């Protein structure tokens, strides 16, 4: 999976899994489970969703995790889909696609 991030990401964005904070690993695991369950309860028909719809689903799941883990998250962490940078939208869609593909 290619990254859509323009330029060189901050070091925290490329931290090895073992170096990732526990809350973030838990949040990522929860988002994975939400996508996995969504694919399952949709009878595997999520491939018919648009790329934007798949990315939006990941973004909404992630936003809910930010509110779960932080009382007052940074606005950029809970931004609406239209306010996310294009690279983040592409990354969110890639995440959905990678999970969906792994389940096939």
PDB file of N, CA and C in Angstrom:
ATOM      1  N   UNK A   1       0.851  -1.167   0.000  1.00  0.00           N
ATOM      2  CA  UNK A   1       0.000   0.000   0.000  1.00  0.00           C
ATOM      3  C   UNK A   1       0.899   1.233   0.000  1.00  0.00           C
ATOM      4  N   UNK A   2       0.720   2.064  -0.957  1.00  0.00           N
ATOM      5  CA  UNK A   2       1.513   3.289  -1.059  1.00  0.00           C
ATOM      6  C   UNK A   2       0.908   4.362  -0.166  1.00  0.00           C
ATOM      7  N   UNK A   3       1.752   5.207   0.345  1.00  0.00           N
ATOM      8  CA  UNK A   3       1.265   6.292   1.185  1.00  0.00           C
ATOM      9  C   UNK A   3       0.903   7.492   0.316  1.00  0.00           C
ATOM     10  N   UNK A   4      -0.099   8.205   0.739  1.00  0.00           N
ATOM     11  CA  UNK A   4      -0.537   9.391   0.011  1.00  0.00           C
ATOM     12  C   UNK A   4       0.015  10.659   0.639  1.00  0.00           C
ATOM     13  N   UNK A   5       0.768  10.521   1.732  1.00  0.00           N
ATOM     14  CA  UNK A   5       1.288  11.688   2.433  1.00  0.00           C
ATOM     15  C   UNK A   5       2.307  12.422   1.567  1.00  0.00           C
ATOM     16  N   UNK A   6       2.115  13.731   1.393  1.00  0.00           N
ATOM     17  CA  UNK A   6       3.062  14.494   0.574  1.00  0.00           C
ATOM     18  C   UNK A   6       4.325  14.830   1.377  1.00  0.00           C
ATOM     19  N   UNK A   7       5.468  14.505   0.859  1.00  0.00           N
ATOM     20  CA  UNK A   7       6.708  14.846   1.556  1.00  0.00           C
ATOM     21  C   UNK A   7       7.081  13.824   2.595  1.00  0.00           C
ATOM     22  N   UNK A   8       7.822  14.280   3.581  1.00  0.00           N
ATOM     23  CA  UNK A   8       8.334  13.413   4.647  1.00  0.00           C
ATOM     24  C   UNK A   8       7.437  13.533   5.887  1.00  0.00           C
ATOM     25  N   UNK A   9       6.819  12.424   6.334  1.00  0.00           N
ATOM     26  CA  UNK A   9       5.953  12.509   7.513  1.00  0.00           C
ATOM     27  C   UNK A   9       6.752  12.730   8.790  1.00  0.00           C
ATOM     28  N   UNK A  10       6.070  13.276   9.807  1.00  0.00           N
ATOM     29  CA  UNK A  10       6.700  13.447  11.114  1.00  0.00           C
ATOM     30  C   UNK A  10       7.078  12.074  11.655  1.00  0.00           C
ATOM     31  N   UNK A  11       8.115  12.027  12.474  1.00  0.00           N
ATOM     32  CA  UNK A  11       8.606  10.763  13.023  1.00  0.00           C
ATOM     33  C   UNK A  11       7.500   9.968  13.715  1.00  0.00           C
ATOM     34  N   UNK A  12       6.607  10.631  14.418  1.00  0.00           N
ATOM     35  CA  UNK A  12       5.523   9.955  15.111  1.00  0.00           C
ATOM     36  C   UNK A  12       4.555   9.237  14.193  1.00  0.00           C
ATOM     37  N   UNK A  13       4.530   9.630  12.927  1.00  0.00           N
ATOM     38  CA  UNK A  13       3.632   8.991  11.965  1.00  0.00           C
ATOM     39  C   UNK A  13       4.197   7.674  11.441  1.00  0.00           C
ATOM     40  N   UNK A  14       5.469   7.432  11.667  1.00  0.00           N
ATOM     41  CA  UNK A  14       6.099   6.219  11.144  1.00  0.00           C
ATOM     42  C   UNK A  14       6.751   5.405  12.264  1.00  0.00           C
ATOM     43  N   UNK A  15       6.249   5.555  13.458  1.00  0.00           N
ATOM     44  CA  UNK A  15       6.761   4.817  14.608  1.00  0.00           C
ATOM     45  C   UNK A  15       6.450   3.329  14.441  1.00  0.00           C
ATOM     46  N   UNK A  16       7.417   2.466  14.737  1.00  0.00           N
ATOM     47  CA  UNK A  16       7.128   1.024  14.707  1.00  0.00           C
ATOM     48  C   UNK A  16       5.988   0.689  15.663  1.00  0.00           C
ATOM     49  N   UNK A  17       5.246  -0.370  15.373  1.00  0.00           N
ATOM     50  CA  UNK A  17       4.082  -0.749  16.172  1.00  0.00           C
ATOM     51  C   UNK A  17       4.425  -0.845  17.655  1.00  0.00           C
ATOM     52  N   UNK A  18       5.544  -1.468  17.984  1.00  0.00           N
ATOM     53  CA  UNK A  18       5.939  -1.628  19.385  1.00  0.00           C
ATOM     54  C   UNK A  18       6.194  -0.288  20.075  1.00  0.00           C
ATOM     55  N   UNK A  19       6.512   0.745  19.300  1.00  0.00           N
ATOM     56  CA  UNK A  19       6.751   2.064  19.865  1.00  0.00           C
ATOM     57  C   UNK A  19       5.528   2.959  19.859  1.00  0.00           C
ATOM     58  N   UNK A  20       4.432   2.457  19.317  1.00  0.00           N
ATOM     59  CA  UNK A  20       3.193   3.227  19.255  1.00  0.00           C
ATOM     60  C   UNK A  20       2.526   3.225  20.632  1.00  0.00           C
ATOM     61  N   UNK A  21       2.030   4.376  21.086  1.00  0.00           N
ATOM     62  CA  UNK A  21       1.376   4.422  22.401  1.00  0.00           C
ATOM     63  C   UNK A  21       0.225   3.413  22.503  1.00  0.00           C
ATOM     64  N   UNK A  22       0.023   2.898  23.693  1.00  0.00           N
ATOM     65  CA  UNK A  22      -1.004   1.878  23.923  1.00  0.00           C
ATOM     66  C   UNK A  22      -2.389   2.351  23.493  1.00  0.00           C
ATOM     67  N   UNK A  23      -2.758   3.596  23.806  1.00  0.00           N
ATOM     68  CA  UNK A  23      -4.083   4.090  23.437  1.00  0.00           C
ATOM     69  C   UNK A  23      -4.274   4.041  21.925  1.00  0.00           C
ATOM     70  N   UNK A  24      -3.194   4.349  21.177  1.00  0.00           N
ATOM     71  CA  UNK A  24      -3.297   4.391  19.720  1.00  0.00           C
ATOM     72  C   UNK A  24      -3.406   2.988  19.144  1.00  0.00           C
ATOM     73  N   UNK A  25      -2.699   2.034  19.738  1.00  0.00           N
ATOM     74  CA  UNK A  25      -2.825   0.640  19.298  1.00  0.00           C
ATOM     75  C   UNK A  25      -4.238   0.131  19.568  1.00  0.00           C
ATOM     76  N   UNK A  26      -4.778   0.485  20.742  1.00  0.00           N
ATOM     77  CA  UNK A  26      -6.146   0.081  21.061  1.00  0.00           C
ATOM     78  C   UNK A  26      -7.143   0.713  20.086  1.00  0.00           C
ATOM     79  N   UNK A  27      -6.954   1.995  19.792  1.00  0.00           N
ATOM     80  CA  UNK A  27      -7.848   2.682  18.861  1.00  0.00           C
ATOM     81  C   UNK A  27      -7.774   2.055  17.472  1.00  0.00           C
ATOM     82  N   UNK A  28      -6.569   1.759  17.012  1.00  0.00           N
ATOM     83  CA  UNK A  28      -6.410   1.130  15.691  1.00  0.00           C
ATOM     84  C   UNK A  28      -7.057  -0.244  15.664  1.00  0.00           C
ATOM     85  N   UNK A  29      -6.903  -1.003  16.748  1.00  0.00           N
ATOM     86  CA  UNK A  29      -7.529  -2.322  16.821  1.00  0.00           C
ATOM     87  C   UNK A  29      -9.042  -2.237  16.806  1.00  0.00           C
ATOM     88  N   UNK A  30      -9.568  -1.238  17.483  1.00  0.00           N
ATOM     89  CA  UNK A  30     -11.016  -1.044  17.496  1.00  0.00           C
ATOM     90  C   UNK A  30     -11.527  -0.665  16.119  1.00  0.00           C
ATOM     91  N   UNK A  31     -10.828   0.232  15.433  1.00  0.00           N
ATOM     92  CA  UNK A  31     -11.239   0.621  14.083  1.00  0.00           C
ATOM     93  C   UNK A  31     -11.176  -0.595  13.157  1.00  0.00           C
ATOM     94  N   UNK A  32     -10.129  -1.398  13.273  1.00  0.00           N
ATOM     95  CA  UNK A  32     -10.035  -2.625  12.477  1.00  0.00           C
ATOM     96  C   UNK A  32     -11.278  -3.490  12.715  1.00  0.00           C
ATOM     97  N   UNK A  33     -11.624  -3.690  13.989  1.00  0.00           N
ATOM     98  CA  UNK A  33     -12.781  -4.531  14.314  1.00  0.00           C
ATOM     99  C   UNK A  33     -14.076  -3.946  13.759  1.00  0.00           C
ATOM    100  N   UNK A  34     -14.208  -2.621  13.808  1.00  0.00           N
ATOM    101  CA  UNK A  34     -15.418  -1.991  13.276  1.00  0.00           C
ATOM    102  C   UNK A  34     -15.525  -2.218  11.777  1.00  0.00           C
ATOM    103  N   UNK A  35     -14.418  -2.066  11.061  1.00  0.00           N
ATOM    104  CA  UNK A  35     -14.435  -2.293   9.615  1.00  0.00           C
ATOM    105  C   UNK A  35     -14.704  -3.774   9.339  1.00  0.00           C
ATOM    106  N   UNK A  36     -14.020  -4.665  10.068  1.00  0.00           N
ATOM    107  CA  UNK A  36     -14.203  -6.103   9.860  1.00  0.00           C
ATOM    108  C   UNK A  36     -15.667  -6.486  10.054  1.00  0.00           C
ATOM    109  N   UNK A  37     -16.268  -6.010  11.140  1.00  0.00           N
ATOM    110  CA  UNK A  37     -17.664  -6.327  11.410  1.00  0.00           C
ATOM    111  C   UNK A  37     -18.593  -5.733  10.363  1.00  0.00           C
ATOM    112  N   UNK A  38     -18.287  -4.530   9.912  1.00  0.00           N
ATOM    113  CA  UNK A  38     -19.100  -3.880   8.886  1.00  0.00           C
ATOM    114  C   UNK A  38     -19.081  -4.690   7.591  1.00  0.00           C
ATOM    115  N   UNK A  39     -17.903  -5.144   7.200  1.00  0.00           N
ATOM    116  CA  UNK A  39     -17.788  -5.980   5.999  1.00  0.00           C
ATOM    117  C   UNK A  39     -18.600  -7.262   6.199  1.00  0.00           C
ATOM    118  N   UNK A  40     -18.469  -7.851   7.373  1.00  0.00           N
ATOM    119  CA  UNK A  40     -19.162  -9.116   7.669  1.00  0.00           C
ATOM    120  C   UNK A  40     -20.680  -8.955   7.651  1.00  0.00           C
ATOM    121  N   UNK A  41     -21.198  -7.963   8.376  1.00  0.00           N
ATOM    122  CA  UNK A  41     -22.653  -7.803   8.450  1.00  0.00           C
ATOM    123  C   UNK A  41     -23.241  -7.271   7.144  1.00  0.00           C
ATOM    124  N   UNK A  42     -22.379  -6.801   6.253  1.00  0.00           N
ATOM    125  CA  UNK A  42     -22.831  -6.341   4.939  1.00  0.00           C
ATOM    126  C   UNK A  42     -22.805  -7.481   3.920  1.00  0.00           C
ATOM    127  N   UNK A  43     -22.504  -8.663   4.402  1.00  0.00           N
ATOM    128  CA  UNK A  43     -22.475  -9.814   3.504  1.00  0.00           C
ATOM    129  C   UNK A  43     -21.388  -9.720   2.455  1.00  0.00           C
ATOM    130  N   UNK A  44     -20.322  -9.014   2.786  1.00  0.00           N
ATOM    131  CA  UNK A  44     -19.218  -8.873   1.836  1.00  0.00           C
ATOM    132  C   UNK A  44     -19.506  -7.931   0.683  1.00  0.00           C
ATOM    133  N   UNK A  45     -20.549  -7.171   0.782  1.00  0.00           N
ATOM    134  CA  UNK A  45     -20.946  -6.262  -0.314  1.00  0.00           C
ATOM    135  C   UNK A  45     -20.346  -4.874  -0.198  1.00  0.00           C
ATOM    136  N   UNK A  46     -19.457  -4.678   0.753  1.00  0.00           N
ATOM    137  CA  UNK A  46     -18.862  -3.347   0.917  1.00  0.00           C
ATOM    138  C   UNK A  46     -17.999  -2.947  -0.267  1.00  0.00           C
ATOM    139  N   UNK A  47     -17.612  -3.905  -1.100  1.00  0.00           N
ATOM    140  CA  UNK A  47     -16.868  -3.580  -2.317  1.00  0.00           C
ATOM    141  C   UNK A  47     -17.678  -2.722  -3.275  1.00  0.00           C
ATOM    142  N   UNK A  48     -18.980  -2.670  -3.070  1.00  0.00           N
ATOM    143  CA  UNK A  48     -19.841  -1.854  -3.928  1.00  0.00           C
ATOM    144  C   UNK A  48     -19.908  -0.399  -3.464  1.00  0.00           C
ATOM    145  N   UNK A  49     -19.380  -0.142  -2.263  1.00  0.00           N
ATOM    146  CA  UNK A  49     -19.321   1.238  -1.794  1.00  0.00           C
ATOM    147  C   UNK A  49     -18.280   1.999  -2.603  1.00  0.00           C
ATOM    148  N   UNK A  50     -18.452   3.305  -2.696  1.00  0.00           N
ATOM    149  CA  UNK A  50     -17.438   4.109  -3.373  1.00  0.00           C
ATOM    150  C   UNK A  50     -16.198   4.180  -2.490  1.00  0.00           C
ATOM    151  N   UNK A  51     -15.088   4.527  -3.090  1.00  0.00           N
ATOM    152  CA  UNK A  51     -13.854   4.693  -2.322  1.00  0.00           C
ATOM    153  C   UNK A  51     -14.055   5.750  -1.241  1.00  0.00           C
ATOM    154  N   UNK A  52     -14.754   6.817  -1.565  1.00  0.00           N
ATOM    155  CA  UNK A  52     -15.019   7.865  -0.576  1.00  0.00           C
ATOM    156  C   UNK A  52     -15.851   7.331   0.582  1.00  0.00           C
ATOM    157  N   UNK A  53     -16.881   6.544   0.300  1.00  0.00           N
ATOM    158  CA  UNK A  53     -17.705   5.990   1.366  1.00  0.00           C
ATOM    159  C   UNK A  53     -16.887   5.091   2.291  1.00  0.00           C
ATOM    160  N   UNK A  54     -15.989   4.295   1.712  1.00  0.00           N
ATOM    161  CA  UNK A  54     -15.145   3.416   2.523  1.00  0.00           C
ATOM    162  C   UNK A  54     -14.205   4.252   3.396  1.00  0.00           C
ATOM    163  N   UNK A  55     -13.618   5.289   2.824  1.00  0.00           N
ATOM    164  CA  UNK A  55     -12.734   6.159   3.586  1.00  0.00           C
ATOM    165  C   UNK A  55     -13.469   6.910   4.679  1.00  0.00           C
ATOM    166  N   UNK A  56     -14.659   7.384   4.370  1.00  0.00           N
ATOM    167  CA  UNK A  56     -15.463   8.090   5.377  1.00  0.00           C
ATOM    168  C   UNK A  56     -15.765   7.186   6.565  1.00  0.00           C
ATOM    169  N   UNK A  57     -16.045   5.925   6.300  1.00  0.00           N
ATOM    170  CA  UNK A  57     -16.348   5.000   7.386  1.00  0.00           C
ATOM    171  C   UNK A  57     -15.158   4.896   8.338  1.00  0.00           C
ATOM    172  N   UNK A  58     -13.966   4.743   7.792  1.00  0.00           N
ATOM    173  CA  UNK A  58     -12.766   4.669   8.632  1.00  0.00           C
ATOM    174  C   UNK A  58     -12.587   5.975   9.399  1.00  0.00           C
ATOM    175  N   UNK A  59     -12.771   7.098   8.729  1.00  0.00           N
ATOM    176  CA  UNK A  59     -12.586   8.400   9.382  1.00  0.00           C
ATOM    177  C   UNK A  59     -13.561   8.579  10.541  1.00  0.00           C
ATOM    178  N   UNK A  60     -14.803   8.174  10.366  1.00  0.00           N
ATOM    179  CA  UNK A  60     -15.798   8.303  11.442  1.00  0.00           C
ATOM    180  C   UNK A  60     -15.439   7.389  12.607  1.00  0.00           C
ATOM    181  N   UNK A  61     -15.027   6.170  12.293  1.00  0.00           N
ATOM    182  CA  UNK A  61     -14.623   5.241  13.369  1.00  0.00           C
ATOM    183  C   UNK A  61     -13.439   5.814  14.143  1.00  0.00           C
ATOM    184  N   UNK A  62     -12.472   6.375  13.419  1.00  0.00           N
ATOM    185  CA  UNK A  62     -11.290   6.945  14.075  1.00  0.00           C
ATOM    186  C   UNK A  62     -11.671   8.155  14.930  1.00  0.00           C
ATOM    187  N   UNK A  63     -12.553   9.001  14.412  1.00  0.00           N
ATOM    188  CA  UNK A  63     -12.998  10.173  15.168  1.00  0.00           C
ATOM    189  C   UNK A  63     -13.640   9.745  16.485  1.00  0.00           C
ATOM    190  N   UNK A  64     -14.458   8.722  16.447  1.00  0.00           N
ATOM    191  CA  UNK A  64     -15.081   8.228  17.673  1.00  0.00           C
ATOM    192  C   UNK A  64     -14.019   7.765  18.670  1.00  0.00           C
ATOM    193  N   UNK A  65     -12.949   7.160  18.178  1.00  0.00           N
ATOM    194  CA  UNK A  65     -11.865   6.727  19.061  1.00  0.00           C
ATOM    195  C   UNK A  65     -11.139   7.926  19.679  1.00  0.00           C
ATOM    196  N   UNK A  66     -10.993   8.999  18.922  1.00  0.00           N
ATOM    197  CA  UNK A  66     -10.344  10.194  19.473  1.00  0.00           C
ATOM    198  C   UNK A  66     -11.172  10.758  20.625  1.00  0.00           C
ATOM    199  N   UNK A  67     -12.505  10.768  20.449  1.00  0.00           N
ATOM    200  CA  UNK A  67     -13.361  11.250  21.528  1.00  0.00           C
ATOM    201  C   UNK A  67     -13.354  10.286  22.713  1.00  0.00           C
ATOM    202  N   UNK A  68     -13.155   9.021  22.445  1.00  0.00           N
ATOM    203  CA  UNK A  68     -13.088   8.031  23.516  1.00  0.00           C
ATOM    204  C   UNK A  68     -11.823   8.212  24.362  1.00  0.00           C
ATOM    205  N   UNK A  69     -10.713   8.509  23.702  1.00  0.00           N
ATOM    206  CA  UNK A  69      -9.423   8.557  24.392  1.00  0.00           C
ATOM    207  C   UNK A  69      -9.017   9.940  24.884  1.00  0.00           C
ATOM    208  N   UNK A  70      -9.661  10.994  24.364  1.00  0.00           N
ATOM    209  CA  UNK A  70      -9.294  12.362  24.748  1.00  0.00           C
ATOM    210  C   UNK A  70     -10.531  13.174  25.084  1.00  0.00           C
ATOM    211  N   UNK A  71     -10.483  13.884  26.191  1.00  0.00           N
ATOM    212  CA  UNK A  71     -11.600  14.751  26.564  1.00  0.00           C
ATOM    213  C   UNK A  71     -11.738  15.930  25.607  1.00  0.00           C
ATOM    214  N   UNK A  72     -10.608  16.439  25.143  1.00  0.00           N
ATOM    215  CA  UNK A  72     -10.608  17.613  24.267  1.00  0.00           C
ATOM    216  C   UNK A  72      -9.579  17.406  23.152  1.00  0.00           C
ATOM    217  N   UNK A  73      -9.897  16.521  22.171  1.00  0.00           N
ATOM    218  CA  UNK A  73      -8.915  16.238  21.122  1.00  0.00           C
ATOM    219  C   UNK A  73      -8.651  17.455  20.235  1.00  0.00           C
ATOM    220  N   UNK A  74      -7.468  17.479  19.647  1.00  0.00           N
ATOM    221  CA  UNK A  74      -7.140  18.548  18.710  1.00  0.00           C
ATOM    222  C   UNK A  74      -8.158  18.554  17.573  1.00  0.00           C
ATOM    223  N   UNK A  75      -8.555  19.730  17.102  1.00  0.00           N
ATOM    224  CA  UNK A  75      -9.552  19.801  16.030  1.00  0.00           C
ATOM    225  C   UNK A  75      -9.174  18.973  14.801  1.00  0.00           C
ATOM    226  N   UNK A  76      -7.906  18.933  14.469  1.00  0.00           N
ATOM    227  CA  UNK A  76      -7.484  18.162  13.305  1.00  0.00           C
ATOM    228  C   UNK A  76      -7.699  16.673  13.461  1.00  0.00           C
ATOM    229  N   UNK A  77      -7.747  16.191  14.700  1.00  0.00           N
ATOM    230  CA  UNK A  77      -7.956  14.766  14.964  1.00  0.00           C
ATOM    231  C   UNK A  77      -9.413  14.351  14.826  1.00  0.00           C
ATOM    232  N   UNK A  78     -10.312  15.319  14.858  1.00  0.00           N
ATOM    233  CA  UNK A  78     -11.741  15.021  14.790  1.00  0.00           C
ATOM    234  C   UNK A  78     -12.424  15.812  13.669  1.00  0.00           C
ATOM    235  N   UNK A  79     -11.648  16.208  12.692  1.00  0.00           N
ATOM    236  CA  UNK A  79     -12.183  16.998  11.578  1.00  0.00           C
ATOM    237  C   UNK A  79     -13.159  16.174  10.744  1.00  0.00           C
ATOM    238  N   UNK A  80     -14.150  16.852  10.199  1.00  0.00           N
ATOM    239  CA  UNK A  80     -15.095  16.210   9.289  1.00  0.00           C
ATOM    240  C   UNK A  80     -14.374  15.812   8.005  1.00  0.00           C
ATOM    241  N   UNK A  81     -14.907  14.853   7.300  1.00  0.00           N
ATOM    242  CA  UNK A  81     -14.305  14.316   6.072  1.00  0.00           C
ATOM    243  C   UNK A  81     -13.895  15.429   5.108  1.00  0.00           C
ATOM    244  N   UNK A  82     -14.780  16.367   4.872  1.00  0.00           N
ATOM    245  CA  UNK A  82     -14.500  17.443   3.899  1.00  0.00           C
ATOM    246  C   UNK A  82     -13.332  18.312   4.329  1.00  0.00           C
ATOM    247  N   UNK A  83     -13.033  18.327   5.618  1.00  0.00           N
ATOM    248  CA  UNK A  83     -11.946  19.153   6.136  1.00  0.00           C
ATOM    249  C   UNK A  83     -10.620  18.408   6.258  1.00  0.00           C
ATOM    250  N   UNK A  84     -10.630  17.101   5.983  1.00  0.00           N
ATOM    251  CA  UNK A  84      -9.388  16.334   6.038  1.00  0.00           C
ATOM    252  C   UNK A  84      -8.554  16.608   4.804  1.00  0.00           C
ATOM    253  N   UNK A  85      -7.230  16.612   4.940  1.00  0.00           N
ATOM    254  CA  UNK A  85      -6.395  16.754   3.748  1.00  0.00           C
ATOM    255  C   UNK A  85      -6.576  15.533   2.839  1.00  0.00           C
ATOM    256  N   UNK A  86      -6.356  15.735   1.559  1.00  0.00           N
ATOM    257  CA  UNK A  86      -6.553  14.657   0.578  1.00  0.00           C
ATOM    258  C   UNK A  86      -5.735  13.424   0.926  1.00  0.00           C
ATOM    259  N   UNK A  87      -4.494  13.608   1.429  1.00  0.00           N
ATOM    260  CA  UNK A  87      -3.674  12.445   1.755  1.00  0.00           C
ATOM    261  C   UNK A  87      -4.312  11.618   2.861  1.00  0.00           C
ATOM    262  N   UNK A  88      -4.987  12.278   3.827  1.00  0.00           N
ATOM    263  CA  UNK A  88      -5.637  11.539   4.912  1.00  0.00           C
ATOM    264  C   UNK A  88      -6.863  10.798   4.396  1.00  0.00           C
ATOM    265  N   UNK A  89      -7.612  11.429   3.510  1.00  0.00           N
ATOM    266  CA  UNK A  89      -8.763  10.757   2.910  1.00  0.00           C
ATOM    267  C   UNK A  89      -8.317   9.500   2.157  1.00  0.00           C
ATOM    268  N   UNK A  90      -7.249   9.633   1.387  1.00  0.00           N
ATOM    269  CA  UNK A  90      -6.726   8.487   0.631  1.00  0.00           C
ATOM    270  C   UNK A  90      -6.229   7.394   1.563  1.00  0.00           C
ATOM    271  N   UNK A  91      -5.565   7.793   2.636  1.00  0.00           N
ATOM    272  CA  UNK A  91      -5.059   6.820   3.609  1.00  0.00           C
ATOM    273  C   UNK A  91      -6.213   6.075   4.266  1.00  0.00           C
ATOM    274  N   UNK A  92      -7.267   6.790   4.642  1.00  0.00           N
ATOM    275  CA  UNK A  92      -8.417   6.146   5.273  1.00  0.00           C
ATOM    276  C   UNK A  92      -9.070   5.142   4.321  1.00  0.00           C
ATOM    277  N   UNK A  93      -9.201   5.505   3.053  1.00  0.00           N
ATOM    278  CA  UNK A  93      -9.762   4.574   2.072  1.00  0.00           C
ATOM    279  C   UNK A  93      -8.842   3.369   1.894  1.00  0.00           C
ATOM    280  N   UNK A  94      -7.533   3.595   1.890  1.00  0.00           N
ATOM    281  CA  UNK A  94      -6.569   2.494   1.783  1.00  0.00           C
ATOM    282  C   UNK A  94      -6.694   1.539   2.972  1.00  0.00           C
ATOM    283  N   UNK A  95      -6.919   2.090   4.156  1.00  0.00           N
ATOM    284  CA  UNK A  95      -7.070   1.260   5.353  1.00  0.00           C
ATOM    285  C   UNK A  95      -8.279   0.338   5.197  1.00  0.00           C
ATOM    286  N   UNK A  96      -9.400   0.897   4.783  1.00  0.00           N
ATOM    287  CA  UNK A  96     -10.603   0.075   4.582  1.00  0.00           C
ATOM    288  C   UNK A  96     -10.306  -1.018   3.566  1.00  0.00           C
ATOM    289  N   UNK A  97      -9.713  -0.634   2.445  1.00  0.00           N
ATOM    290  CA  UNK A  97      -9.432  -1.598   1.383  1.00  0.00           C
ATOM    291  C   UNK A  97      -8.499  -2.714   1.841  1.00  0.00           C
ATOM    292  N   UNK A  98      -7.500  -2.361   2.638  1.00  0.00           N
ATOM    293  CA  UNK A  98      -6.554  -3.371   3.123  1.00  0.00           C
ATOM    294  C   UNK A  98      -7.249  -4.361   4.055  1.00  0.00           C
ATOM    295  N   UNK A  99      -8.121  -3.877   4.906  1.00  0.00           N
ATOM    296  CA  UNK A  99      -8.848  -4.778   5.810  1.00  0.00           C
ATOM    297  C   UNK A  99      -9.797  -5.647   5.015  1.00  0.00           C
ATOM    298  N   UNK A 100     -10.528  -5.047   4.095  1.00  0.00           N
ATOM    299  CA  UNK A 100     -11.469  -5.797   3.281  1.00  0.00           C
ATOM    300  C   UNK A 100     -10.758  -6.885   2.467  1.00  0.00           C
ATOM    301  N   UNK A 101      -9.632  -6.550   1.898  1.00  0.00           N
ATOM    302  CA  UNK A 101      -8.855  -7.506   1.108  1.00  0.00           C
ATOM    303  C   UNK A 101      -8.345  -8.648   1.975  1.00  0.00           C
ATOM    304  N   UNK A 102      -7.894  -8.320   3.180  1.00  0.00           N
ATOM    305  CA  UNK A 102      -7.379  -9.350   4.089  1.00  0.00           C
ATOM    306  C   UNK A 102      -8.477 -10.338   4.502  1.00  0.00           C
ATOM    307  N   UNK A 103      -9.714  -9.915   4.462  1.00  0.00           N
ATOM    308  CA  UNK A 103     -10.823 -10.772   4.851  1.00  0.00           C
ATOM    309  C   UNK A 103     -11.304 -11.664   3.725  1.00  0.00           C
ATOM    310  N   UNK A 104     -10.882 -11.389   2.500  1.00  0.00           N
ATOM    311  CA  UNK A 104     -11.354 -12.157   1.342  1.00  0.00           C
ATOM    312  C   UNK A 104     -10.681 -13.498   1.261  1.00  0.00           C
TER     313      UNK A 104
END
